[in-house]
């Protein structure tokens, strides 16, 4: 049920050596369109007066290092639009299929620029590439948006991709990077610790109240369930492969995963011993054809680590599960 690693991030990782080796101050460096304010307000070392401003510039610099291999194909305005789209919580600007196509086209274009004898590179839309980059790398910016000034990030990125020399020397950039990384890590750990305690307390309170409700059963492990529809088929063993439909939410109703919302609502199959313990135990109790609701304590789910961006540490999870078949 987990998504694979982001395609463009992996692609750029394979070209990191090219990016690092590229001459930063060369007037022949590949140009990329820049935002209007980047041209109107060039950044100088003197203009970066605060640690926040310096950190913002270094973030822009590090993005430019990643994006140098695709600079001729990249539109900064579309990248900015895509990042803002993420901040606003809007749907992705490209389909997954189109993103995969663009990844392949960019691989071919990078190869063609490296080797004059390579086949002619296919054309790409710079606007689409900007949106692709925002989908792949934008979430990292969104995660630190309260710690940086995005306009400085964008101006720095535009200037550096256009071939300007960095206004901060390497030693300064390294020091700023290390200090900023330590600060963000400390804040994230503090925030996560608070979320962990709050989620644990909320889950314990909810489960204590929920187990007293009519129709709710509690197993020895603490798993709670309700029979929404009884089935008449066989019960799977933990070693079986099962076919199910499911809908998963947090206690506040936030949907984090649902087979009904993916692949046209088609059911999914998986080995019952390769999922979270609450699923293994719960689904093993279900006869084929049944539909149960499970309330899964965090220790039977993802525990202190949580999972992804939505399932925080110590989260209690709610699943409605339909057991359709024991797969052959």
Protein backbone atom coordinates (compact mmCIF):
# COMPACT_ATOMS: atom_id res chain seq x y z
CA UNK A 1 0.00 0.00 0.00
CA UNK A 2 3.05 2.27 0.12
CA UNK A 3 3.97 4.44 -2.84
CA UNK A 4 7.33 3.99 -4.51
CA UNK A 5 10.15 6.54 -4.26
CA UNK A 6 9.51 9.72 -6.20
CA UNK A 7 10.67 9.30 -9.77
CA UNK A 8 12.29 12.66 -10.45
CA UNK A 9 14.12 12.69 -7.12
CA UNK A 10 15.68 9.35 -8.06
CA UNK A 11 16.50 10.62 -11.54
CA UNK A 12 18.21 13.72 -10.18
CA UNK A 13 20.14 11.64 -7.67
CA UNK A 14 21.71 9.73 -10.57
CA UNK A 15 22.89 13.00 -12.13
CA UNK A 16 24.16 14.60 -8.91
CA UNK A 17 27.79 14.25 -10.00
CA UNK A 18 27.07 16.26 -13.13
CA UNK A 19 25.37 18.96 -11.07
CA UNK A 20 28.24 19.24 -8.60
CA UNK A 21 30.83 19.36 -11.35
CA UNK A 22 29.03 22.07 -13.32
CA UNK A 23 30.87 25.47 -13.26
CA UNK A 24 28.73 27.73 -11.11
CA UNK A 25 29.90 31.06 -12.51
CA UNK A 26 30.18 30.18 -16.20
CA UNK A 27 28.28 32.53 -18.53
CA UNK A 28 27.73 29.48 -20.76
CA UNK A 29 25.76 27.60 -18.08
CA UNK A 30 22.28 26.56 -19.29
CA UNK A 31 19.75 29.31 -18.77
CA UNK A 32 16.31 28.86 -17.30
CA UNK A 33 13.41 31.33 -17.17
CA UNK A 34 13.36 33.27 -13.91
CA UNK A 35 10.56 34.85 -11.93
CA UNK A 36 10.13 38.58 -12.43
CA UNK A 37 11.26 39.52 -8.95
CA UNK A 38 14.39 37.37 -9.33
CA UNK A 39 15.51 39.64 -12.17
CA UNK A 40 14.32 42.81 -10.40
CA UNK A 41 15.89 42.09 -7.02
CA UNK A 42 19.21 40.28 -7.36
CA UNK A 43 20.53 38.75 -4.17
CA UNK A 44 23.83 39.85 -2.66
CA UNK A 45 25.71 38.58 0.36
CA UNK A 46 24.88 41.88 2.09
CA UNK A 47 21.15 41.42 1.48
CA UNK A 48 21.20 38.10 3.36
CA UNK A 49 21.25 39.71 6.78
CA UNK A 50 19.54 37.10 8.98
CA UNK A 51 20.04 33.37 9.57
CA UNK A 52 16.61 32.75 8.03
CA UNK A 53 17.54 34.64 4.86
CA UNK A 54 20.86 32.81 4.59
CA UNK A 55 19.13 29.46 5.10
CA UNK A 56 16.60 30.33 2.40
CA UNK A 57 19.39 31.12 -0.02
CA UNK A 58 21.18 27.86 0.77
CA UNK A 59 17.96 25.91 0.16
CA UNK A 60 17.72 27.61 -3.25
CA UNK A 61 21.37 26.80 -3.92
CA UNK A 62 20.92 23.12 -3.06
CA UNK A 63 17.85 22.92 -5.28
CA UNK A 64 19.86 24.43 -8.12
CA UNK A 65 22.52 21.76 -7.69
CA UNK A 66 19.87 19.07 -8.05
CA UNK A 67 18.19 20.72 -11.02
CA UNK A 68 21.26 21.72 -13.06
CA UNK A 69 21.00 18.63 -15.33
CA UNK A 70 17.48 19.63 -16.40
CA UNK A 71 17.90 23.41 -16.27
CA UNK A 72 17.28 23.88 -20.03
CA UNK A 73 13.94 22.09 -19.66
CA UNK A 74 12.78 23.75 -16.43
CA UNK A 75 10.28 26.60 -15.94
CA UNK A 76 10.64 28.33 -12.58
CA UNK A 77 7.23 30.02 -12.67
CA UNK A 78 5.50 26.66 -13.12
CA UNK A 79 7.56 25.21 -10.29
CA UNK A 80 6.45 28.04 -8.01
CA UNK A 81 2.85 27.54 -9.06
CA UNK A 82 3.11 23.84 -8.29
CA UNK A 83 4.60 24.41 -4.84
CA UNK A 84 1.83 26.88 -4.02
CA UNK A 85 -0.64 24.30 -5.24
CA UNK A 86 0.75 21.88 -2.66
CA UNK A 87 0.62 24.49 0.09
CA UNK A 88 -3.04 25.13 -0.76
CA UNK A 89 -3.82 21.41 -0.57
CA UNK A 90 -4.96 21.17 -4.19
CA UNK A 91 -4.73 18.00 -6.32
CA UNK A 92 -1.51 17.26 -8.26
CA UNK A 93 -1.09 19.25 -11.46
CA UNK A 94 0.01 16.20 -13.46
CA UNK A 95 -1.34 12.69 -13.57
CA UNK A 96 0.88 9.89 -12.33
CA UNK A 97 1.03 8.51 -15.87
CA UNK A 98 2.15 11.83 -17.36
CA UNK A 99 4.75 12.27 -14.62
CA UNK A 100 6.23 8.87 -15.50
CA UNK A 101 6.32 9.82 -19.20
CA UNK A 102 8.12 13.07 -18.42
CA UNK A 103 10.67 11.25 -16.31
CA UNK A 104 11.55 9.05 -19.26
CA UNK A 105 11.75 12.01 -21.63
CA UNK A 106 14.08 13.84 -19.26
CA UNK A 107 16.37 10.81 -19.03
CA UNK A 108 16.66 10.87 -22.83
CA UNK A 109 17.29 14.63 -22.93
CA UNK A 110 20.02 14.42 -20.29
CA UNK A 111 21.67 11.58 -22.21
CA UNK A 112 21.54 13.58 -25.45
CA UNK A 113 23.20 16.58 -23.83
CA UNK A 114 25.98 14.39 -22.43
CA UNK A 115 26.67 12.54 -25.68
CA UNK A 116 26.59 14.42 -29.00
CA UNK A 117 26.26 11.06 -30.77
CA UNK A 118 23.10 10.14 -28.86
CA UNK A 119 19.76 10.19 -30.71
CA UNK A 120 17.99 13.54 -30.96
CA UNK A 121 16.25 14.28 -27.69
CA UNK A 122 12.44 14.45 -27.69
CA UNK A 123 10.82 17.78 -26.91
CA UNK A 124 9.25 18.46 -23.52
CA UNK A 125 7.07 21.21 -22.13
CA UNK A 126 9.07 23.36 -19.73
CA UNK A 127 5.89 24.18 -17.89
CA UNK A 128 5.15 20.50 -17.37
CA UNK A 129 8.69 19.88 -16.16
CA UNK A 130 8.33 22.71 -13.66
CA UNK A 131 5.14 21.11 -12.36
CA UNK A 132 6.81 17.71 -12.25
CA UNK A 133 9.64 19.08 -10.12
CA UNK A 134 7.13 20.73 -7.80
CA UNK A 135 5.34 17.42 -7.32
CA UNK A 136 8.57 15.56 -6.54
CA UNK A 137 10.61 18.11 -4.60
CA UNK A 138 7.89 20.53 -3.51
CA UNK A 139 6.77 18.50 -0.47
CA UNK A 140 10.21 19.03 1.06
CA UNK A 141 9.78 22.80 0.68
CA UNK A 142 6.27 22.65 2.09
CA UNK A 143 7.61 20.82 5.13
CA UNK A 144 9.96 23.71 5.98
CA UNK A 145 7.93 26.63 4.60
CA UNK A 146 7.55 28.19 8.05
CA UNK A 147 11.33 28.22 8.55
CA UNK A 148 12.35 29.86 5.24
CA UNK A 149 11.42 32.73 2.94
CA UNK A 150 10.19 31.10 -0.27
CA UNK A 151 10.70 34.25 -2.41
CA UNK A 152 14.41 34.15 -1.57
CA UNK A 153 14.52 30.44 -2.39
CA UNK A 154 12.97 31.09 -5.79
CA UNK A 155 15.20 34.09 -6.56
CA UNK A 156 18.31 32.15 -5.60
CA UNK A 157 17.23 29.17 -7.68
CA UNK A 158 16.55 31.32 -10.72
CA UNK A 159 19.82 33.23 -10.43
CA UNK A 160 21.94 30.10 -9.98
CA UNK A 161 20.30 28.16 -12.81
CA UNK A 162 20.90 31.21 -15.02
CA UNK A 163 24.63 30.88 -14.36
CA UNK A 164 25.29 33.40 -11.61
CA UNK A 165 28.00 32.59 -9.10
CA UNK A 166 26.87 31.83 -5.54
CA UNK A 167 26.88 34.91 -3.33
CA UNK A 168 27.83 32.81 -0.28
CA UNK A 169 31.11 30.92 -0.31
CA UNK A 170 31.27 27.17 0.26
CA UNK A 171 32.34 27.39 3.90
CA UNK A 172 29.47 29.72 4.71
CA UNK A 173 26.97 27.57 2.83
CA UNK A 174 28.12 24.48 4.72
CA UNK A 175 27.85 26.20 8.09
CA UNK A 176 24.39 27.58 7.29
CA UNK A 177 23.25 24.17 6.03
CA UNK A 178 24.42 22.39 9.17
CA UNK A 179 22.91 24.96 11.53
CA UNK A 180 19.59 25.00 9.66
CA UNK A 181 19.39 21.20 9.48
CA UNK A 182 20.02 20.89 13.22
CA UNK A 183 17.38 23.51 14.00
CA UNK A 184 14.74 21.88 11.79
CA UNK A 185 15.51 18.44 13.20
CA UNK A 186 15.17 19.71 16.76
CA UNK A 187 11.82 21.34 15.99
CA UNK A 188 10.52 18.26 14.20
CA UNK A 189 11.52 16.00 17.07
CA UNK A 190 9.82 18.28 19.59
CA UNK A 191 6.69 18.43 17.47
CA UNK A 192 6.66 14.69 16.98
CA UNK A 193 7.08 14.08 20.71
CA UNK A 194 4.05 16.28 21.38
CA UNK A 195 2.02 14.52 18.70
CA UNK A 196 3.04 11.14 20.06
CA UNK A 197 1.79 11.94 23.56
CA UNK A 198 -1.40 13.56 22.31
CA UNK A 199 -2.20 10.69 19.93
CA UNK A 200 -1.52 8.07 22.61
CA UNK A 201 -3.76 9.80 25.16
CA UNK A 202 -6.55 10.37 22.62
CA UNK A 203 -6.40 6.75 21.50
CA UNK A 204 -6.52 5.35 25.02
CA UNK A 205 -9.45 7.58 25.94
CA UNK A 206 -11.36 6.68 22.78
CA UNK A 207 -10.83 2.94 23.13
CA UNK A 208 -11.86 2.98 26.79
CA UNK A 209 -15.16 4.61 25.85
CA UNK A 210 -15.66 2.67 22.64
CA UNK A 211 -15.43 -0.77 24.25
CA UNK A 212 -18.55 -0.04 26.32
CA UNK A 213 -20.69 0.52 23.22
CA UNK A 214 -23.18 -2.06 22.05
CA UNK A 215 -21.83 -4.38 19.37
CA UNK A 216 -18.16 -3.60 20.05
CA UNK A 217 -15.95 -6.54 21.02
CA UNK A 218 -12.41 -6.35 22.43
CA UNK A 219 -9.82 -9.11 21.99
CA UNK A 220 -7.07 -9.98 24.45
CA UNK A 221 -4.58 -7.89 22.49
CA UNK A 222 -6.76 -4.78 22.76
CA UNK A 223 -8.07 -4.90 19.18
CA UNK A 224 -11.69 -3.75 18.98
CA UNK A 225 -14.15 -4.77 16.28
CA UNK A 226 -17.79 -4.66 15.22
CA UNK A 227 -19.52 -6.99 12.78
CA UNK A 228 -21.14 -4.86 10.08
CA UNK A 229 -22.07 -7.84 7.92
CA UNK A 230 -21.49 -11.46 8.76
CA UNK A 231 -20.10 -13.88 6.20
CA UNK A 232 -20.52 -17.60 5.73
CA UNK A 233 -17.22 -18.62 4.14
CA UNK A 234 -13.96 -19.96 5.51
CA UNK A 235 -11.74 -17.94 7.80
CA UNK A 236 -8.23 -17.21 6.51
CA UNK A 237 -5.06 -18.26 8.27
CA UNK A 238 -2.31 -15.68 8.87
CA UNK A 239 -0.27 -17.43 6.17
CA UNK A 240 -3.04 -16.99 3.55
CA UNK A 241 -3.32 -14.42 0.79
CA UNK A 242 -6.59 -12.50 0.98
CA UNK A 243 -8.63 -10.31 -1.35
CA UNK A 244 -10.25 -7.33 0.38
CA UNK A 245 -11.76 -3.91 0.06
CA UNK A 246 -11.04 -1.48 2.88
CA UNK A 247 -11.39 2.10 4.07
CA UNK A 248 -8.95 3.49 6.66
CA UNK A 249 -9.30 6.64 8.75
CA UNK A 250 -7.84 8.34 11.80
CA UNK A 251 -10.02 8.90 14.86
CA UNK A 252 -10.96 12.36 13.55
CA UNK A 253 -12.28 10.86 10.30
CA UNK A 254 -9.31 11.77 8.11
CA UNK A 255 -9.04 9.20 5.31
CA UNK A 256 -5.45 8.03 4.84
CA UNK A 257 -6.05 5.00 2.60
CA UNK A 258 -8.99 3.37 0.85
CA UNK A 259 -9.19 0.73 -1.84
CA UNK A 260 -12.57 2.17 -2.82
CA UNK A 261 -10.83 5.39 -3.89
CA UNK A 262 -8.05 3.74 -5.90
CA UNK A 263 -7.93 1.80 -9.16
CA UNK A 264 -11.62 2.28 -9.79
CA UNK A 265 -12.54 0.73 -6.45
CA UNK A 266 -10.99 -2.61 -7.34
CA UNK A 267 -10.15 -4.91 -4.39
CA UNK A 268 -6.55 -5.60 -3.42
CA UNK A 269 -4.67 -8.74 -2.45
CA UNK A 270 -1.90 -9.25 0.07
CA UNK A 271 -0.39 -11.82 2.39
CA UNK A 272 -2.11 -11.60 5.76
CA UNK A 273 1.18 -12.05 7.62
CA UNK A 274 2.75 -9.05 5.85
CA UNK A 275 0.52 -6.30 7.21
CA UNK A 276 0.18 -4.57 10.59
CA UNK A 277 -0.60 -6.91 13.51
CA UNK A 278 -4.12 -5.52 13.97
CA UNK A 279 -4.97 -6.51 10.41
CA UNK A 280 -3.45 -9.96 10.73
CA UNK A 281 -5.42 -10.68 13.89
CA UNK A 282 -8.65 -9.02 12.79
CA UNK A 283 -8.99 -10.37 9.27
CA UNK A 284 -8.12 -13.86 10.52
CA UNK A 285 -11.36 -13.74 12.54
CA UNK A 286 -13.52 -12.88 9.51
CA UNK A 287 -15.37 -15.45 7.43
CA UNK A 288 -15.30 -14.77 3.70
CA UNK A 289 -18.16 -12.45 2.76
CA UNK A 290 -18.05 -10.55 6.06
CA UNK A 291 -17.53 -6.85 6.63
CA UNK A 292 -16.03 -5.74 9.96
CA UNK A 293 -15.03 -2.44 11.49
CA UNK A 294 -11.75 -2.50 13.41
CA UNK A 295 -10.37 -0.01 15.90
CA UNK A 296 -6.67 -0.75 16.02
CA UNK A 297 -4.55 0.52 18.95
CA UNK A 298 -1.27 2.11 17.94
CA UNK A 299 0.77 -0.80 19.30
CA UNK A 300 -1.04 -3.08 16.83
CA UNK A 301 -0.62 -0.53 14.02
CA UNK A 302 2.42 1.66 13.31
CA UNK A 303 3.38 2.53 16.89
CA UNK A 304 5.85 5.31 17.65
CA UNK A 305 7.08 5.56 14.07
CA UNK A 306 3.75 6.29 12.45
CA UNK A 307 3.50 5.94 8.67
CA UNK A 308 3.72 8.55 5.95
CA UNK A 309 2.58 12.13 6.31
CA UNK A 310 -0.89 11.39 7.71
CA UNK A 311 -0.45 8.60 10.27
CA UNK A 312 1.36 10.24 13.16
CA UNK A 313 3.16 8.48 16.01
CA UNK A 314 0.95 6.43 18.34
CA UNK A 315 -2.13 6.86 16.14
CA UNK A 316 -5.17 4.66 16.71
CA UNK A 317 -6.60 3.60 13.34
CA UNK A 318 -10.11 2.73 12.15
CA UNK A 319 -10.67 0.31 9.27
CA UNK A 320 -13.78 -0.98 7.57
CA UNK A 321 -12.76 -4.22 5.87
CA UNK A 322 -14.66 -6.50 3.47
CA UNK A 323 -13.14 -9.97 3.13
CA UNK A 324 -14.01 -11.00 -0.43
CA UNK A 325 -11.95 -14.14 -0.86
CA UNK A 326 -9.01 -16.22 0.24
CA UNK A 327 -6.82 -15.98 -2.80
CA UNK A 328 -5.35 -19.15 -4.33
